[in-house]
């Protein structure tokens, strides 16, 4: 089974997830990793809370990628996409 990792930003309040855009990175030096821009400024979500970084650990398997994967809020994924569609 292949293992992949993806950097996502997950809102601490509403649990929505999306991929990091160009120019943003996860600051892994914080106790709770947060998303920062090129200038090192923390990024806020539409709901006013800060994003926290979470690395998605995906495992490629024969399971079809479905609602369980695409609406996930946790860090683990095991299906055909290997984490690419996780939380989208």
C-alpha atoms as a PDB file:
ATOM      1  CA  UNK A   1       0.000   0.000   0.000  1.00  0.00           C
ATOM      2  CA  UNK A   2       1.419   3.411  -0.975  1.00  0.00           C
ATOM      3  CA  UNK A   3       1.414   6.219   1.601  1.00  0.00           C
ATOM      4  CA  UNK A   4       1.125   9.904   0.679  1.00  0.00           C
ATOM      5  CA  UNK A   5       1.003  13.144   2.659  1.00  0.00           C
ATOM      6  CA  UNK A   6      -0.814  16.400   1.893  1.00  0.00           C
ATOM      7  CA  UNK A   7      -0.702  19.737   3.703  1.00  0.00           C
ATOM      8  CA  UNK A   8      -4.193  21.024   4.411  1.00  0.00           C
ATOM      9  CA  UNK A   9      -5.628  23.852   6.416  1.00  0.00           C
ATOM     10  CA  UNK A  10      -8.438  22.858   8.734  1.00  0.00           C
ATOM     11  CA  UNK A  11     -10.559  25.449  10.536  1.00  0.00           C
ATOM     12  CA  UNK A  12     -10.612  24.800  14.299  1.00  0.00           C
ATOM     13  CA  UNK A  13     -14.224  26.024  14.535  1.00  0.00           C
ATOM     14  CA  UNK A  14     -16.134  24.795  11.486  1.00  0.00           C
ATOM     15  CA  UNK A  15     -13.749  21.927  10.556  1.00  0.00           C
ATOM     16  CA  UNK A  16     -13.682  22.808   6.849  1.00  0.00           C
ATOM     17  CA  UNK A  17     -10.579  21.685   5.012  1.00  0.00           C
ATOM     18  CA  UNK A  18      -8.747  22.751   1.865  1.00  0.00           C
ATOM     19  CA  UNK A  19      -5.297  22.493   0.317  1.00  0.00           C
ATOM     20  CA  UNK A  20      -2.680  25.118   1.006  1.00  0.00           C
ATOM     21  CA  UNK A  21      -2.454  27.789  -1.696  1.00  0.00           C
ATOM     22  CA  UNK A  22       0.837  28.946  -3.185  1.00  0.00           C
ATOM     23  CA  UNK A  23       2.592  31.360  -0.850  1.00  0.00           C
ATOM     24  CA  UNK A  24       1.298  29.716   2.332  1.00  0.00           C
ATOM     25  CA  UNK A  25       2.947  27.170   4.585  1.00  0.00           C
ATOM     26  CA  UNK A  26       2.300  25.361   7.835  1.00  0.00           C
ATOM     27  CA  UNK A  27       4.338  26.741  10.715  1.00  0.00           C
ATOM     28  CA  UNK A  28       5.327  23.484  12.415  1.00  0.00           C
ATOM     29  CA  UNK A  29       7.251  25.316  15.159  1.00  0.00           C
ATOM     30  CA  UNK A  30       4.076  26.369  16.933  1.00  0.00           C
ATOM     31  CA  UNK A  31       2.606  24.148  19.653  1.00  0.00           C
ATOM     32  CA  UNK A  32      -0.539  24.063  17.514  1.00  0.00           C
ATOM     33  CA  UNK A  33       0.693  24.360  13.896  1.00  0.00           C
ATOM     34  CA  UNK A  34      -0.897  27.283  12.056  1.00  0.00           C
ATOM     35  CA  UNK A  35      -1.031  28.487   8.482  1.00  0.00           C
ATOM     36  CA  UNK A  36       1.167  31.496   7.704  1.00  0.00           C
ATOM     37  CA  UNK A  37       1.702  33.530   4.545  1.00  0.00           C
ATOM     38  CA  UNK A  38       5.061  34.525   3.013  1.00  0.00           C
ATOM     39  CA  UNK A  39       5.404  37.381   5.512  1.00  0.00           C
ATOM     40  CA  UNK A  40       4.882  34.976   8.437  1.00  0.00           C
ATOM     41  CA  UNK A  41       1.436  36.363   9.293  1.00  0.00           C
ATOM     42  CA  UNK A  42      -1.161  33.926  10.669  1.00  0.00           C
ATOM     43  CA  UNK A  43      -4.114  33.357   8.332  1.00  0.00           C
ATOM     44  CA  UNK A  44      -7.698  33.664   9.557  1.00  0.00           C
ATOM     45  CA  UNK A  45     -10.700  31.748   8.223  1.00  0.00           C
ATOM     46  CA  UNK A  46     -14.012  33.362   7.197  1.00  0.00           C
ATOM     47  CA  UNK A  47     -15.498  32.493  10.597  1.00  0.00           C
ATOM     48  CA  UNK A  48     -12.823  34.670  12.268  1.00  0.00           C
ATOM     49  CA  UNK A  49     -10.815  31.816  13.799  1.00  0.00           C
ATOM     50  CA  UNK A  50      -7.273  30.827  12.864  1.00  0.00           C
ATOM     51  CA  UNK A  51      -6.504  27.846  10.679  1.00  0.00           C
ATOM     52  CA  UNK A  52      -4.347  25.128  12.120  1.00  0.00           C
ATOM     53  CA  UNK A  53      -2.114  22.999   9.977  1.00  0.00           C
ATOM     54  CA  UNK A  54      -2.703  19.310   9.713  1.00  0.00           C
ATOM     55  CA  UNK A  55      -0.833  16.867   7.527  1.00  0.00           C
ATOM     56  CA  UNK A  56      -3.154  14.347   5.901  1.00  0.00           C
ATOM     57  CA  UNK A  57      -1.738  10.809   5.944  1.00  0.00           C
ATOM     58  CA  UNK A  58      -3.243   8.994   2.980  1.00  0.00           C
ATOM     59  CA  UNK A  59      -2.981   5.320   2.133  1.00  0.00           C
ATOM     60  CA  UNK A  60      -3.880   4.167  -1.354  1.00  0.00           C
ATOM     61  CA  UNK A  61      -6.228   1.168  -1.286  1.00  0.00           C
ATOM     62  CA  UNK A  62      -8.925  -0.410  -3.445  1.00  0.00           C
ATOM     63  CA  UNK A  63     -11.753   1.325  -1.521  1.00  0.00           C
ATOM     64  CA  UNK A  64     -13.744   3.794  -3.601  1.00  0.00           C
ATOM     65  CA  UNK A  65     -13.324   7.464  -2.662  1.00  0.00           C
ATOM     66  CA  UNK A  66     -16.715   8.604  -1.371  1.00  0.00           C
ATOM     67  CA  UNK A  67     -18.552  10.832   1.087  1.00  0.00           C
ATOM     68  CA  UNK A  68     -16.622   9.482   4.090  1.00  0.00           C
ATOM     69  CA  UNK A  69     -13.346  10.665   2.553  1.00  0.00           C
ATOM     70  CA  UNK A  70     -14.559  13.920   1.022  1.00  0.00           C
ATOM     71  CA  UNK A  71     -16.280  15.168   4.186  1.00  0.00           C
ATOM     72  CA  UNK A  72     -13.569  13.975   6.588  1.00  0.00           C
ATOM     73  CA  UNK A  73     -12.180  16.269   9.289  1.00  0.00           C
ATOM     74  CA  UNK A  74      -9.502  13.949  10.674  1.00  0.00           C
ATOM     75  CA  UNK A  75      -5.932  13.312   9.493  1.00  0.00           C
ATOM     76  CA  UNK A  76      -6.240   9.733   8.152  1.00  0.00           C
ATOM     77  CA  UNK A  77      -7.485   8.576   4.758  1.00  0.00           C
ATOM     78  CA  UNK A  78      -7.495   5.130   3.170  1.00  0.00           C
ATOM     79  CA  UNK A  79      -9.068   4.886  -0.293  1.00  0.00           C
ATOM     80  CA  UNK A  80      -8.228   5.105  -4.017  1.00  0.00           C
ATOM     81  CA  UNK A  81      -7.330   8.825  -3.858  1.00  0.00           C
ATOM     82  CA  UNK A  82      -4.737   8.263  -1.136  1.00  0.00           C
ATOM     83  CA  UNK A  83      -5.733  11.493   0.596  1.00  0.00           C
ATOM     84  CA  UNK A  84      -5.948  13.783  -2.447  1.00  0.00           C
ATOM     85  CA  UNK A  85      -9.716  14.341  -2.036  1.00  0.00           C
ATOM     86  CA  UNK A  86      -9.669  14.132   1.764  1.00  0.00           C
ATOM     87  CA  UNK A  87     -11.806  16.809   3.364  1.00  0.00           C
ATOM     88  CA  UNK A  88     -12.560  18.601   0.081  1.00  0.00           C
END
